[in-house]
N, C-alpha and C. Protein backbone atom coordinates (compact mmCIF):
# COMPACT_ATOMS: atom_id res chain seq x y z
N MET A 1 61.62 -65.38 28.72
CA MET A 1 61.92 -63.82 28.90
C MET A 1 61.04 -63.05 27.84
N PHE A 2 61.01 -63.55 26.78
CA PHE A 2 60.29 -62.95 25.68
C PHE A 2 58.74 -62.64 26.13
N ASN A 3 58.18 -63.64 26.85
CA ASN A 3 56.76 -63.73 27.21
C ASN A 3 56.40 -62.46 28.08
N LYS A 4 57.31 -61.91 28.82
CA LYS A 4 56.86 -60.80 29.56
C LYS A 4 56.65 -59.53 28.65
N TYR A 5 57.19 -59.48 27.44
CA TYR A 5 56.96 -58.30 26.52
C TYR A 5 55.65 -58.40 25.71
N ILE A 6 55.17 -59.62 25.80
CA ILE A 6 53.94 -59.85 25.00
C ILE A 6 52.68 -58.84 25.30
N PRO A 7 52.42 -58.60 26.60
CA PRO A 7 51.25 -57.61 26.82
C PRO A 7 51.58 -56.01 26.36
N TYR A 8 52.97 -55.73 26.38
CA TYR A 8 53.30 -54.37 25.94
C TYR A 8 53.16 -54.44 24.28
N ILE A 9 53.55 -55.45 23.77
CA ILE A 9 53.31 -55.45 22.14
C ILE A 9 52.00 -55.45 21.78
N ILE A 10 51.00 -56.19 22.50
CA ILE A 10 49.72 -56.23 22.16
C ILE A 10 49.12 -54.92 22.44
N PHE A 11 49.45 -54.24 23.57
CA PHE A 11 48.85 -52.89 23.77
C PHE A 11 49.41 -51.78 22.77
N SER A 12 50.70 -51.91 22.41
CA SER A 12 51.24 -50.96 21.52
C SER A 12 50.46 -51.23 20.13
N SER A 13 50.27 -52.48 19.75
CA SER A 13 49.58 -52.80 18.47
C SER A 13 48.09 -52.32 18.49
N PHE A 14 47.51 -52.46 19.59
CA PHE A 14 46.17 -51.96 19.83
C PHE A 14 45.99 -50.30 19.70
N LEU A 15 47.07 -49.86 20.23
CA LEU A 15 46.99 -48.25 20.37
C LEU A 15 47.42 -47.80 18.80
N ILE A 16 48.20 -48.44 18.26
CA ILE A 16 48.48 -47.93 16.78
C ILE A 16 47.31 -48.16 15.98
N LEU A 17 46.61 -49.17 16.17
CA LEU A 17 45.39 -49.50 15.37
C LEU A 17 44.48 -48.56 15.55
N LEU A 18 44.13 -48.19 16.87
CA LEU A 18 43.20 -47.03 17.22
C LEU A 18 43.52 -45.81 16.79
N ILE A 19 44.81 -45.42 16.66
CA ILE A 19 45.16 -44.18 16.08
C ILE A 19 44.93 -44.12 14.62
N ILE A 20 45.12 -45.16 13.83
CA ILE A 20 44.92 -45.36 12.43
C ILE A 20 43.51 -45.27 12.12
N ILE A 21 42.50 -45.99 13.01
CA ILE A 21 41.00 -45.72 12.84
C ILE A 21 40.56 -44.38 13.07
N ILE A 22 41.13 -43.77 14.00
CA ILE A 22 40.76 -42.21 14.24
C ILE A 22 41.11 -41.34 13.14
N VAL A 23 42.52 -41.59 12.76
CA VAL A 23 42.82 -40.77 11.65
C VAL A 23 41.97 -40.81 10.44
N SER A 24 41.66 -42.14 10.10
CA SER A 24 40.84 -42.45 8.95
C SER A 24 39.50 -41.75 8.95
N ILE A 25 38.84 -41.88 10.16
CA ILE A 25 37.64 -41.21 10.44
C ILE A 25 37.61 -39.60 10.20
N LEU A 26 38.63 -39.08 10.80
CA LEU A 26 38.82 -37.60 10.52
C LEU A 26 39.07 -37.30 9.09
N TYR A 27 39.95 -38.13 8.44
CA TYR A 27 40.21 -37.80 7.08
C TYR A 27 38.94 -37.94 6.30
N PHE A 28 38.07 -38.89 6.36
CA PHE A 28 36.95 -38.92 5.60
C PHE A 28 36.04 -37.89 5.92
N TYR A 29 35.76 -37.48 7.11
CA TYR A 29 34.85 -36.42 7.60
C TYR A 29 35.26 -35.11 7.03
N TYR A 30 36.54 -34.65 7.04
CA TYR A 30 36.87 -33.39 6.48
C TYR A 30 36.86 -33.48 4.98
N ASP A 31 37.09 -34.58 4.34
CA ASP A 31 37.00 -34.59 2.91
C ASP A 31 35.60 -34.56 2.37
N SER A 32 34.66 -34.99 3.27
CA SER A 32 33.29 -34.89 2.86
C SER A 32 32.64 -33.27 3.05
N GLN A 33 33.47 -32.61 3.87
CA GLN A 33 32.96 -31.30 4.26
C GLN A 33 33.81 -30.17 3.31
N LYS A 34 34.61 -30.63 2.56
CA LYS A 34 35.47 -29.78 1.70
C LYS A 34 34.69 -29.11 0.57
N ILE A 35 34.78 -27.73 0.43
CA ILE A 35 34.17 -26.97 -0.58
C ILE A 35 34.56 -27.47 -1.94
N PRO A 36 33.80 -27.77 -2.91
CA PRO A 36 34.16 -28.15 -4.21
C PRO A 36 34.96 -27.01 -5.03
N ASP A 37 35.76 -27.48 -5.84
CA ASP A 37 36.47 -26.54 -6.60
C ASP A 37 35.70 -25.93 -7.77
N ILE A 38 35.50 -24.67 -7.62
CA ILE A 38 34.65 -24.00 -8.55
C ILE A 38 35.07 -24.03 -9.87
N LYS A 39 36.41 -23.86 -10.17
CA LYS A 39 37.01 -24.02 -11.55
C LYS A 39 36.89 -25.42 -12.02
N ALA A 40 37.02 -26.46 -11.11
CA ALA A 40 36.91 -27.79 -11.65
C ALA A 40 35.50 -28.22 -12.05
N THR A 41 34.52 -27.76 -11.26
CA THR A 41 33.12 -28.32 -11.38
C THR A 41 32.24 -27.36 -12.14
N HIS A 42 32.71 -25.97 -12.18
CA HIS A 42 31.90 -24.88 -12.87
C HIS A 42 30.49 -24.73 -12.26
N GLN A 43 30.34 -25.18 -11.11
CA GLN A 43 29.06 -25.01 -10.38
C GLN A 43 29.07 -23.92 -9.42
N PRO A 44 28.03 -23.05 -9.49
CA PRO A 44 27.93 -22.02 -8.38
C PRO A 44 27.79 -22.49 -7.04
N ILE A 45 28.37 -21.71 -6.04
CA ILE A 45 28.16 -22.19 -4.64
C ILE A 45 26.89 -21.20 -4.05
N ASN A 46 25.93 -21.80 -3.54
CA ASN A 46 24.77 -21.30 -3.03
C ASN A 46 24.90 -20.62 -1.70
N LYS A 47 25.94 -21.01 -0.93
CA LYS A 47 26.25 -20.54 0.49
C LYS A 47 26.99 -19.28 0.51
N VAL A 48 26.29 -18.36 1.14
CA VAL A 48 26.97 -17.09 1.40
C VAL A 48 27.00 -16.68 2.76
N CYS A 49 28.11 -16.39 3.26
CA CYS A 49 28.32 -15.81 4.60
C CYS A 49 28.28 -14.38 4.88
N ILE A 50 27.32 -13.93 5.54
CA ILE A 50 27.24 -12.51 5.93
C ILE A 50 26.86 -12.31 7.48
N THR A 51 27.29 -11.15 7.88
CA THR A 51 27.03 -10.77 9.25
C THR A 51 25.42 -10.72 9.56
N LEU A 52 25.06 -10.77 10.79
CA LEU A 52 23.69 -10.58 11.29
C LEU A 52 23.25 -9.20 10.84
N ASP A 53 24.05 -8.17 11.09
CA ASP A 53 23.64 -6.92 10.66
C ASP A 53 23.32 -6.68 9.13
N GLU A 54 24.21 -7.33 8.35
CA GLU A 54 24.06 -7.27 6.88
C GLU A 54 22.71 -7.87 6.53
N TYR A 55 22.38 -9.14 7.10
CA TYR A 55 21.39 -9.92 6.84
C TYR A 55 20.05 -8.87 7.21
N ASN A 56 20.06 -8.42 8.40
CA ASN A 56 18.90 -7.49 8.75
C ASN A 56 18.67 -6.38 7.73
N LYS A 57 19.77 -5.90 7.45
CA LYS A 57 19.63 -4.69 6.39
C LYS A 57 18.91 -5.08 5.16
N LEU A 58 19.37 -6.39 4.64
CA LEU A 58 18.88 -6.90 3.47
C LEU A 58 17.51 -7.09 3.56
N LYS A 59 16.97 -7.72 4.78
CA LYS A 59 15.56 -8.16 4.91
C LYS A 59 14.76 -6.81 5.06
N ASN A 60 15.27 -5.71 5.76
CA ASN A 60 14.48 -4.60 5.83
C ASN A 60 14.32 -3.90 4.48
N ASN A 61 15.43 -3.98 3.52
CA ASN A 61 15.26 -3.48 2.16
C ASN A 61 14.19 -4.20 1.55
N ASP A 62 14.07 -5.66 1.69
CA ASP A 62 13.09 -6.49 0.90
C ASP A 62 11.66 -6.06 1.39
N ASN A 63 11.47 -5.74 2.73
CA ASN A 63 10.32 -5.38 3.21
C ASN A 63 9.76 -3.94 2.70
N ASN A 64 10.73 -3.18 2.33
CA ASN A 64 10.41 -1.73 1.74
C ASN A 64 10.40 -1.60 0.36
N VAL A 65 10.41 -2.79 -0.47
CA VAL A 65 10.29 -2.85 -1.87
C VAL A 65 9.09 -2.00 -2.35
N ASN A 66 7.92 -2.11 -1.80
CA ASN A 66 6.76 -1.79 -2.34
C ASN A 66 6.45 -0.25 -1.79
N VAL A 67 7.37 0.29 -0.95
CA VAL A 67 7.20 1.66 -0.41
C VAL A 67 7.44 2.70 -1.48
N ILE A 68 6.56 3.51 -1.79
CA ILE A 68 6.66 4.49 -2.69
C ILE A 68 7.57 5.44 -2.40
N SER A 69 8.47 5.87 -3.19
CA SER A 69 9.47 6.90 -2.83
C SER A 69 9.21 8.13 -3.77
N PRO A 70 8.50 9.19 -2.95
CA PRO A 70 7.96 10.26 -3.72
C PRO A 70 9.17 11.14 -4.42
N SER A 71 8.68 11.83 -5.40
CA SER A 71 9.70 12.85 -5.95
C SER A 71 8.86 14.10 -6.40
N LYS A 72 9.56 14.92 -7.04
CA LYS A 72 8.86 16.19 -7.51
C LYS A 72 7.82 15.76 -8.68
N ASN A 73 8.32 14.81 -9.49
CA ASN A 73 7.43 14.30 -10.52
C ASN A 73 6.24 13.65 -10.02
N HIS A 74 6.38 12.88 -8.85
CA HIS A 74 5.10 12.24 -8.30
C HIS A 74 4.22 13.35 -7.83
N THR A 75 4.72 14.55 -7.41
CA THR A 75 3.86 15.58 -7.06
C THR A 75 3.05 16.20 -8.16
N VAL A 76 3.80 16.34 -9.31
CA VAL A 76 3.22 16.84 -10.63
C VAL A 76 2.07 15.86 -11.08
N ASP A 77 2.48 14.65 -11.11
CA ASP A 77 1.32 13.61 -11.43
C ASP A 77 0.31 13.69 -10.75
N ARG A 78 0.43 13.88 -9.30
CA ARG A 78 -0.76 14.09 -8.47
C ARG A 78 -1.55 15.29 -8.84
N ASP A 79 -0.87 16.43 -9.33
CA ASP A 79 -1.70 17.55 -9.79
C ASP A 79 -2.45 17.31 -10.96
N TYR A 80 -1.98 16.53 -11.91
CA TYR A 80 -2.58 16.18 -13.19
C TYR A 80 -3.94 15.32 -12.87
N ARG A 81 -3.69 14.45 -11.81
CA ARG A 81 -4.84 13.58 -11.41
C ARG A 81 -5.99 14.43 -10.87
N VAL A 82 -5.56 15.51 -10.05
CA VAL A 82 -6.66 16.46 -9.63
C VAL A 82 -7.59 16.95 -10.65
N ILE A 83 -6.93 17.25 -11.77
CA ILE A 83 -7.68 17.74 -12.86
C ILE A 83 -8.31 16.72 -13.89
N ASN A 84 -7.60 15.58 -14.07
CA ASN A 84 -8.02 14.73 -15.11
C ASN A 84 -8.74 13.33 -14.69
N ASP A 85 -8.50 13.10 -13.35
CA ASP A 85 -9.03 11.82 -12.86
C ASP A 85 -10.25 12.01 -12.01
N GLN A 86 -11.38 11.48 -12.46
CA GLN A 86 -12.67 11.74 -11.94
C GLN A 86 -12.69 11.26 -10.38
N LEU A 87 -12.07 10.22 -10.21
CA LEU A 87 -11.98 9.65 -8.72
C LEU A 87 -11.00 10.33 -7.82
N TYR A 88 -10.25 11.38 -8.27
CA TYR A 88 -9.25 12.04 -7.46
C TYR A 88 -9.98 13.36 -7.00
N PRO A 89 -10.07 13.53 -5.64
CA PRO A 89 -10.74 14.69 -5.09
C PRO A 89 -10.13 15.95 -5.50
N PRO A 90 -10.84 17.09 -5.39
CA PRO A 90 -10.28 18.29 -5.78
C PRO A 90 -9.65 18.94 -4.66
N LEU A 91 -8.38 18.74 -4.37
CA LEU A 91 -7.64 19.12 -3.23
C LEU A 91 -6.49 19.90 -3.63
N ASN A 92 -6.23 21.02 -2.97
CA ASN A 92 -5.05 21.87 -3.13
C ASN A 92 -3.90 21.32 -2.38
N ARG A 93 -2.80 21.74 -2.43
CA ARG A 93 -1.50 21.24 -1.63
C ARG A 93 -0.69 22.44 -1.30
N SER A 94 0.43 22.19 -0.57
CA SER A 94 1.44 23.05 -0.23
C SER A 94 2.43 23.12 -1.52
N ASP A 95 3.55 23.68 -1.11
CA ASP A 95 4.56 23.79 -2.28
C ASP A 95 5.19 22.30 -2.47
N ASN A 96 5.92 22.24 -3.63
CA ASN A 96 6.38 20.85 -4.06
C ASN A 96 7.26 20.18 -2.97
N ARG A 97 8.16 20.87 -2.41
CA ARG A 97 9.11 20.21 -1.58
C ARG A 97 8.43 19.77 -0.17
N THR A 98 7.52 20.71 0.28
CA THR A 98 6.81 20.33 1.50
C THR A 98 5.95 19.12 1.28
N HIS A 99 5.14 19.23 0.11
CA HIS A 99 4.20 18.00 -0.13
C HIS A 99 4.96 16.83 -0.30
N THR A 100 6.00 16.81 -1.12
CA THR A 100 6.65 15.43 -1.37
C THR A 100 7.28 14.90 0.06
N ASP A 101 7.89 15.91 0.76
CA ASP A 101 8.50 15.29 2.09
C ASP A 101 7.35 14.79 2.99
N MET A 102 6.24 15.45 2.95
CA MET A 102 4.92 14.91 3.70
C MET A 102 4.57 13.50 3.31
N VAL A 103 4.39 13.38 1.99
CA VAL A 103 3.94 12.01 1.43
C VAL A 103 4.93 11.12 1.88
N GLU A 104 6.24 11.36 1.78
CA GLU A 104 7.26 10.37 1.94
C GLU A 104 7.20 9.85 3.53
N ASN A 105 6.94 10.93 4.32
CA ASN A 105 6.91 10.51 5.80
C ASN A 105 5.58 9.64 6.03
N ILE A 106 4.52 9.97 5.36
CA ILE A 106 3.32 9.25 5.50
C ILE A 106 3.47 7.66 5.07
N ASN A 107 4.11 7.62 3.83
CA ASN A 107 4.30 6.37 3.20
C ASN A 107 5.22 5.52 3.91
N ARG A 108 6.26 6.14 4.53
CA ARG A 108 7.19 5.19 5.29
C ARG A 108 6.79 5.12 6.73
N ARG A 109 5.63 5.72 7.19
CA ARG A 109 5.10 5.49 8.48
C ARG A 109 5.85 6.12 9.52
N ASN A 110 6.51 7.22 9.21
CA ASN A 110 7.31 8.13 10.06
C ASN A 110 6.54 9.02 10.91
N MET A 111 5.10 9.17 10.53
CA MET A 111 4.27 10.05 11.25
C MET A 111 2.91 9.57 10.91
N TYR A 112 1.98 10.20 11.61
CA TYR A 112 0.49 10.04 11.47
C TYR A 112 0.07 8.43 11.48
N ILE A 113 0.24 8.08 12.68
CA ILE A 113 -0.32 6.67 12.99
C ILE A 113 -1.81 6.45 12.74
N ARG A 114 -2.06 5.49 11.84
CA ARG A 114 -3.48 5.42 11.47
C ARG A 114 -4.23 4.79 12.79
N THR A 115 -5.54 5.48 12.91
CA THR A 115 -6.24 5.04 13.91
C THR A 115 -7.49 4.54 13.39
N ASN A 116 -8.42 5.47 13.15
CA ASN A 116 -9.95 5.03 12.84
C ASN A 116 -10.01 5.02 11.32
N ASP A 117 -9.04 5.45 10.66
CA ASP A 117 -9.08 5.52 9.13
C ASP A 117 -9.28 4.22 8.61
N ILE A 118 -10.33 3.94 7.68
CA ILE A 118 -10.50 2.63 7.07
C ILE A 118 -9.99 2.50 5.74
N ASN A 119 -9.17 3.50 5.29
CA ASN A 119 -8.48 3.29 3.98
C ASN A 119 -9.52 3.30 2.73
N ASP A 120 -10.60 3.86 2.86
CA ASP A 120 -11.61 3.83 1.73
C ASP A 120 -11.23 4.70 0.63
N THR A 121 -11.60 4.54 -0.61
CA THR A 121 -11.28 5.28 -1.79
C THR A 121 -12.49 5.92 -2.35
N TYR A 122 -12.43 7.04 -3.08
CA TYR A 122 -13.61 7.50 -3.63
C TYR A 122 -14.34 6.78 -4.78
N ARG A 123 -15.57 7.00 -4.78
CA ARG A 123 -16.26 6.14 -5.68
C ARG A 123 -17.48 6.99 -6.00
N LEU A 124 -18.25 6.60 -7.31
CA LEU A 124 -19.44 7.29 -7.77
C LEU A 124 -20.68 6.60 -6.71
N VAL A 125 -21.37 7.62 -6.17
CA VAL A 125 -22.43 7.17 -5.30
C VAL A 125 -23.80 7.67 -5.73
N GLY A 126 -23.74 8.67 -6.66
CA GLY A 126 -25.08 9.08 -7.16
C GLY A 126 -24.92 10.23 -8.12
N TYR A 127 -26.07 10.86 -8.43
CA TYR A 127 -26.17 11.94 -9.38
C TYR A 127 -27.04 13.16 -8.73
N LEU A 128 -26.70 14.27 -8.93
CA LEU A 128 -27.51 15.51 -8.58
C LEU A 128 -28.02 16.27 -9.70
N THR A 129 -29.30 16.49 -9.74
CA THR A 129 -29.92 17.36 -10.81
C THR A 129 -30.69 18.47 -10.30
N ASN A 130 -30.76 19.44 -10.94
CA ASN A 130 -31.47 20.64 -10.61
C ASN A 130 -32.42 21.04 -11.76
N ASN A 131 -33.69 21.32 -11.42
CA ASN A 131 -34.77 21.60 -12.46
C ASN A 131 -34.92 23.08 -12.78
N SER A 132 -34.10 23.92 -12.16
CA SER A 132 -34.18 25.27 -12.48
C SER A 132 -33.89 25.65 -13.94
N ASP A 133 -34.55 26.82 -14.36
CA ASP A 133 -34.28 27.15 -15.79
C ASP A 133 -32.83 27.84 -15.96
N ASP A 134 -32.50 28.42 -14.75
CA ASP A 134 -31.02 28.88 -14.58
C ASP A 134 -30.05 27.76 -14.46
N LYS A 135 -28.97 27.79 -15.45
CA LYS A 135 -28.04 26.74 -15.43
C LYS A 135 -26.78 27.14 -14.65
N ASP A 136 -26.33 26.15 -13.74
CA ASP A 136 -25.27 26.35 -12.92
C ASP A 136 -23.96 26.08 -13.68
N THR A 137 -22.92 26.08 -13.04
CA THR A 137 -21.56 25.78 -13.71
C THR A 137 -21.61 24.47 -14.35
N GLY A 138 -22.21 23.49 -13.60
CA GLY A 138 -22.15 22.12 -14.34
C GLY A 138 -23.41 21.86 -15.18
N ASN A 139 -24.19 22.78 -15.64
CA ASN A 139 -25.36 22.59 -16.40
C ASN A 139 -26.42 21.80 -15.83
N ASN A 140 -26.47 21.98 -14.39
CA ASN A 140 -27.55 21.47 -13.55
C ASN A 140 -27.43 19.95 -13.44
N ASN A 141 -26.40 19.34 -13.88
CA ASN A 141 -26.28 17.82 -13.73
C ASN A 141 -24.90 17.47 -13.29
N TRP A 142 -24.79 16.64 -12.12
CA TRP A 142 -23.63 16.50 -11.43
C TRP A 142 -23.48 14.97 -11.17
N LYS A 143 -22.28 14.48 -11.03
CA LYS A 143 -21.89 13.20 -10.50
C LYS A 143 -21.45 13.53 -8.96
N LEU A 144 -21.93 12.55 -8.13
CA LEU A 144 -21.51 12.68 -6.70
C LEU A 144 -20.59 11.52 -6.36
N PHE A 145 -19.40 12.08 -5.87
CA PHE A 145 -18.41 10.99 -5.32
C PHE A 145 -18.19 11.06 -3.95
N ALA A 146 -17.89 10.04 -3.23
CA ALA A 146 -17.73 9.98 -1.80
C ALA A 146 -16.76 8.79 -1.32
N ARG A 147 -16.34 8.91 -0.28
CA ARG A 147 -15.57 7.91 0.40
C ARG A 147 -15.87 7.97 1.92
N GLN A 148 -15.74 6.85 2.67
CA GLN A 148 -16.03 6.81 4.12
C GLN A 148 -14.56 6.98 4.86
N LYS A 149 -14.54 8.25 5.29
CA LYS A 149 -13.18 8.70 5.93
C LYS A 149 -12.88 7.77 7.06
N ASP A 150 -13.95 7.74 7.96
CA ASP A 150 -13.73 6.75 9.15
C ASP A 150 -15.23 6.34 9.47
N ARG A 151 -15.29 5.75 10.66
CA ARG A 151 -16.57 5.16 11.04
C ARG A 151 -17.75 6.11 11.33
N HIS A 152 -17.34 7.53 11.41
CA HIS A 152 -18.24 8.50 11.75
C HIS A 152 -18.63 9.61 10.76
N ILE A 153 -17.63 9.73 9.76
CA ILE A 153 -17.88 10.79 8.76
C ILE A 153 -17.35 10.42 7.31
N SER A 154 -17.90 10.96 6.34
CA SER A 154 -17.68 10.73 4.98
C SER A 154 -17.15 12.04 4.33
N ASP A 155 -16.47 11.88 3.25
CA ASP A 155 -15.93 13.01 2.36
C ASP A 155 -16.84 12.89 1.07
N PHE A 156 -17.13 14.15 0.53
CA PHE A 156 -17.88 14.29 -0.64
C PHE A 156 -17.36 15.30 -1.62
N TYR A 157 -17.48 15.18 -2.96
CA TYR A 157 -17.51 16.20 -3.93
C TYR A 157 -18.12 15.79 -5.07
N MET A 158 -18.35 16.74 -6.00
CA MET A 158 -19.18 16.44 -7.29
C MET A 158 -18.57 16.97 -8.45
N LYS A 159 -18.81 16.48 -9.56
CA LYS A 159 -18.27 16.94 -10.79
C LYS A 159 -19.48 16.76 -11.89
N PRO A 160 -19.38 17.76 -12.92
CA PRO A 160 -20.43 17.83 -13.89
C PRO A 160 -20.44 16.35 -14.60
N THR A 161 -21.63 16.12 -15.15
CA THR A 161 -21.82 14.76 -15.79
C THR A 161 -21.02 14.94 -17.21
N ASP A 162 -20.93 16.19 -17.73
CA ASP A 162 -20.14 16.45 -18.94
C ASP A 162 -18.75 16.09 -18.68
N ASN A 163 -18.21 15.13 -19.31
CA ASN A 163 -16.74 14.77 -18.93
C ASN A 163 -15.87 15.82 -19.56
N ASN A 164 -16.21 16.67 -20.43
CA ASN A 164 -15.33 17.69 -20.98
C ASN A 164 -15.24 18.92 -20.00
N ASN A 165 -16.01 18.90 -19.07
CA ASN A 165 -15.94 20.01 -17.87
C ASN A 165 -15.18 19.54 -16.71
N ASP A 166 -14.02 20.11 -16.39
CA ASP A 166 -13.10 19.50 -15.48
C ASP A 166 -13.32 20.21 -14.06
N ILE A 167 -14.38 20.88 -13.87
CA ILE A 167 -14.71 21.48 -12.56
C ILE A 167 -15.10 20.40 -11.64
N LYS A 168 -14.47 20.55 -10.27
CA LYS A 168 -14.81 19.57 -9.14
C LYS A 168 -15.11 20.72 -7.92
N VAL A 169 -16.25 20.21 -7.42
CA VAL A 169 -16.63 21.08 -6.28
C VAL A 169 -16.69 20.29 -5.08
N SER A 170 -15.90 20.60 -3.93
CA SER A 170 -15.98 19.92 -2.71
C SER A 170 -17.25 20.28 -1.96
N ILE A 171 -17.81 19.29 -1.33
CA ILE A 171 -19.09 19.61 -0.69
C ILE A 171 -18.73 19.60 0.80
N THR A 172 -18.55 20.77 1.34
CA THR A 172 -18.18 21.10 2.73
C THR A 172 -19.38 21.81 3.45
N ASP A 173 -19.21 21.77 4.84
CA ASP A 173 -20.29 22.19 5.65
C ASP A 173 -20.71 23.80 5.20
N ASP A 174 -19.75 24.47 4.88
CA ASP A 174 -20.13 25.98 4.60
C ASP A 174 -20.86 26.15 3.28
N ILE A 175 -21.12 25.33 2.42
CA ILE A 175 -21.85 25.54 1.27
C ILE A 175 -23.03 24.82 1.33
N VAL A 176 -23.28 23.89 2.33
CA VAL A 176 -24.44 23.22 2.28
C VAL A 176 -25.58 23.93 3.29
N VAL A 177 -26.65 24.05 2.76
CA VAL A 177 -27.80 24.65 3.60
C VAL A 177 -28.58 23.58 4.29
N GLY A 178 -28.93 23.69 5.66
CA GLY A 178 -29.58 22.66 6.32
C GLY A 178 -28.83 21.78 6.73
N ASP A 179 -29.35 20.42 6.71
CA ASP A 179 -28.56 19.22 7.33
C ASP A 179 -27.34 18.99 6.45
N ARG A 180 -26.19 18.84 7.13
CA ARG A 180 -24.85 18.69 6.62
C ARG A 180 -24.75 17.23 5.83
N LEU A 181 -24.03 17.18 4.96
CA LEU A 181 -23.83 15.88 4.25
C LEU A 181 -22.61 15.15 4.89
N ARG A 182 -22.88 14.11 5.73
CA ARG A 182 -21.77 13.55 6.47
C ARG A 182 -21.72 12.09 6.23
N ASP A 183 -22.55 11.41 5.83
CA ASP A 183 -22.70 10.00 5.96
C ASP A 183 -22.84 9.38 4.64
N ILE A 184 -21.98 8.65 4.07
CA ILE A 184 -22.19 8.01 2.80
C ILE A 184 -23.28 7.06 2.75
N TYR A 185 -23.71 6.48 4.03
CA TYR A 185 -24.78 5.56 4.01
C TYR A 185 -26.16 6.23 4.35
N ASN A 186 -26.26 7.60 4.36
CA ASN A 186 -27.45 8.33 4.79
C ASN A 186 -27.36 9.63 3.95
N ILE A 187 -27.49 9.52 2.61
CA ILE A 187 -27.51 10.63 1.70
C ILE A 187 -29.05 11.09 1.60
N PRO A 188 -29.27 12.39 1.89
CA PRO A 188 -30.60 12.78 1.76
C PRO A 188 -31.04 12.87 0.24
N ASN A 189 -32.31 12.93 0.07
CA ASN A 189 -32.95 13.04 -1.15
C ASN A 189 -32.87 14.35 -2.02
N LYS A 190 -32.62 15.37 -1.14
CA LYS A 190 -32.52 16.83 -1.74
C LYS A 190 -31.48 17.44 -0.86
N ILE A 191 -30.67 18.10 -1.65
CA ILE A 191 -29.49 18.93 -1.05
C ILE A 191 -29.64 20.38 -1.63
N THR A 192 -29.49 21.39 -0.70
CA THR A 192 -29.52 22.79 -1.14
C THR A 192 -28.10 23.34 -0.63
N PHE A 193 -27.63 24.22 -1.70
CA PHE A 193 -26.25 24.70 -1.61
C PHE A 193 -26.41 26.03 -1.56
N ASN A 194 -25.32 26.72 -1.04
CA ASN A 194 -25.05 28.25 -0.95
C ASN A 194 -23.79 28.49 -1.61
N SER A 195 -23.61 28.64 -2.88
CA SER A 195 -22.34 28.56 -3.66
C SER A 195 -22.58 29.44 -4.83
N PRO A 196 -21.70 30.27 -5.27
CA PRO A 196 -21.88 31.08 -6.48
C PRO A 196 -21.73 30.07 -7.80
N MET A 197 -21.27 28.82 -7.49
CA MET A 197 -21.21 27.94 -8.70
C MET A 197 -22.41 27.12 -9.03
N LEU A 198 -23.34 27.22 -7.97
CA LEU A 198 -24.47 26.32 -7.90
C LEU A 198 -25.69 27.19 -7.72
N ASN A 199 -26.93 26.51 -8.06
CA ASN A 199 -28.15 27.19 -7.98
C ASN A 199 -28.70 27.26 -6.52
N LYS A 200 -29.50 28.10 -6.18
CA LYS A 200 -29.98 28.27 -4.82
C LYS A 200 -31.11 27.23 -4.46
N THR A 201 -31.87 26.65 -5.56
CA THR A 201 -32.88 25.85 -5.46
C THR A 201 -32.40 24.39 -5.14
N PRO A 202 -33.20 23.54 -4.49
CA PRO A 202 -32.65 22.23 -4.03
C PRO A 202 -32.25 21.40 -5.17
N TYR A 203 -31.25 20.42 -5.07
CA TYR A 203 -30.78 19.48 -6.02
C TYR A 203 -31.52 18.24 -5.70
N ASP A 204 -32.04 17.43 -6.69
CA ASP A 204 -32.47 16.22 -6.35
C ASP A 204 -31.29 15.08 -6.29
N VAL A 205 -31.22 14.20 -5.52
CA VAL A 205 -30.26 13.26 -5.30
C VAL A 205 -30.72 11.84 -5.83
N ILE A 206 -30.08 11.25 -6.69
CA ILE A 206 -30.38 9.93 -7.21
C ILE A 206 -29.30 9.09 -7.07
N GLU A 207 -29.44 8.22 -5.97
CA GLU A 207 -28.13 7.20 -5.52
C GLU A 207 -28.01 6.21 -6.49
N VAL A 208 -26.81 5.86 -6.67
CA VAL A 208 -26.53 4.61 -7.50
C VAL A 208 -26.86 3.37 -6.58
N PRO A 209 -27.58 2.50 -7.05
CA PRO A 209 -27.79 1.45 -6.39
C PRO A 209 -26.67 0.34 -6.02
N LYS A 210 -26.83 -0.24 -4.83
CA LYS A 210 -25.78 -1.09 -4.33
C LYS A 210 -25.87 -2.34 -4.84
N ALA A 211 -24.80 -3.13 -5.14
CA ALA A 211 -24.95 -4.46 -5.55
C ALA A 211 -25.47 -5.49 -4.43
N ASP A 212 -26.12 -6.41 -4.88
CA ASP A 212 -26.71 -7.43 -4.04
C ASP A 212 -25.78 -8.58 -3.98
N LEU A 213 -24.96 -8.47 -3.03
CA LEU A 213 -23.82 -9.50 -2.96
C LEU A 213 -24.46 -10.85 -2.40
N SER A 214 -25.69 -10.91 -1.98
CA SER A 214 -26.22 -12.20 -1.50
C SER A 214 -26.46 -13.23 -2.64
N ARG A 215 -26.71 -12.53 -3.96
CA ARG A 215 -27.01 -13.41 -5.08
C ARG A 215 -26.04 -13.65 -6.08
N SER A 216 -25.03 -12.72 -6.19
CA SER A 216 -23.99 -12.96 -7.16
C SER A 216 -22.65 -12.28 -6.69
N ALA A 217 -21.64 -12.89 -7.06
CA ALA A 217 -20.30 -12.52 -6.77
C ALA A 217 -19.70 -11.58 -7.77
N ASP A 218 -20.50 -11.39 -8.76
CA ASP A 218 -19.92 -10.64 -10.08
C ASP A 218 -19.51 -9.28 -9.65
N TYR A 219 -20.22 -8.66 -8.67
CA TYR A 219 -19.97 -7.19 -8.37
C TYR A 219 -19.06 -7.03 -7.07
N ILE A 220 -18.52 -8.09 -6.45
CA ILE A 220 -17.64 -7.84 -5.47
C ILE A 220 -16.51 -7.20 -5.79
């Protein structure tokens, strides 16, 4: 009679053993995933849970770290550069607030999408001298600065070679007599001006030679 219960006993024993194995596996699995006790280990936890929106916000802030945030002081510094920095062009501006807001919009790419602008900066490209006995505002000797504005036109201005003289003269179409000064790579040998600050006789242009990059990398 006892023999007929043997299959049930074997099945029950197998079922109990299977349950014990499953419980053991689950116990070791959850134990391995348990976060360590910070007070006990004194080790910082590197995992931080944030929402997707919070992550994107932090990411955008990281991308904007190098964006200049203009202020009134920034505009004042710009004004000092107009006077004291030889490489800064002689440009006027609007009022502080309008100028600051405009600079912020440009820096944050809120307006003025760049097209042909190659982002060139002003540099010394030559010297202008005048042989007249009459001395102009710059004592007849000037430094010529220019930048390539885009692929078709360049901007020019000049400053006296005497560094104690803070005058800067923008070379615009209305003060140039004859061919206009438009191309940084095609500067004429002589330029005639019609300006109360300059002589009426032609100025000789002496270009600064360009570095020969095929022979040395020292001037790159």
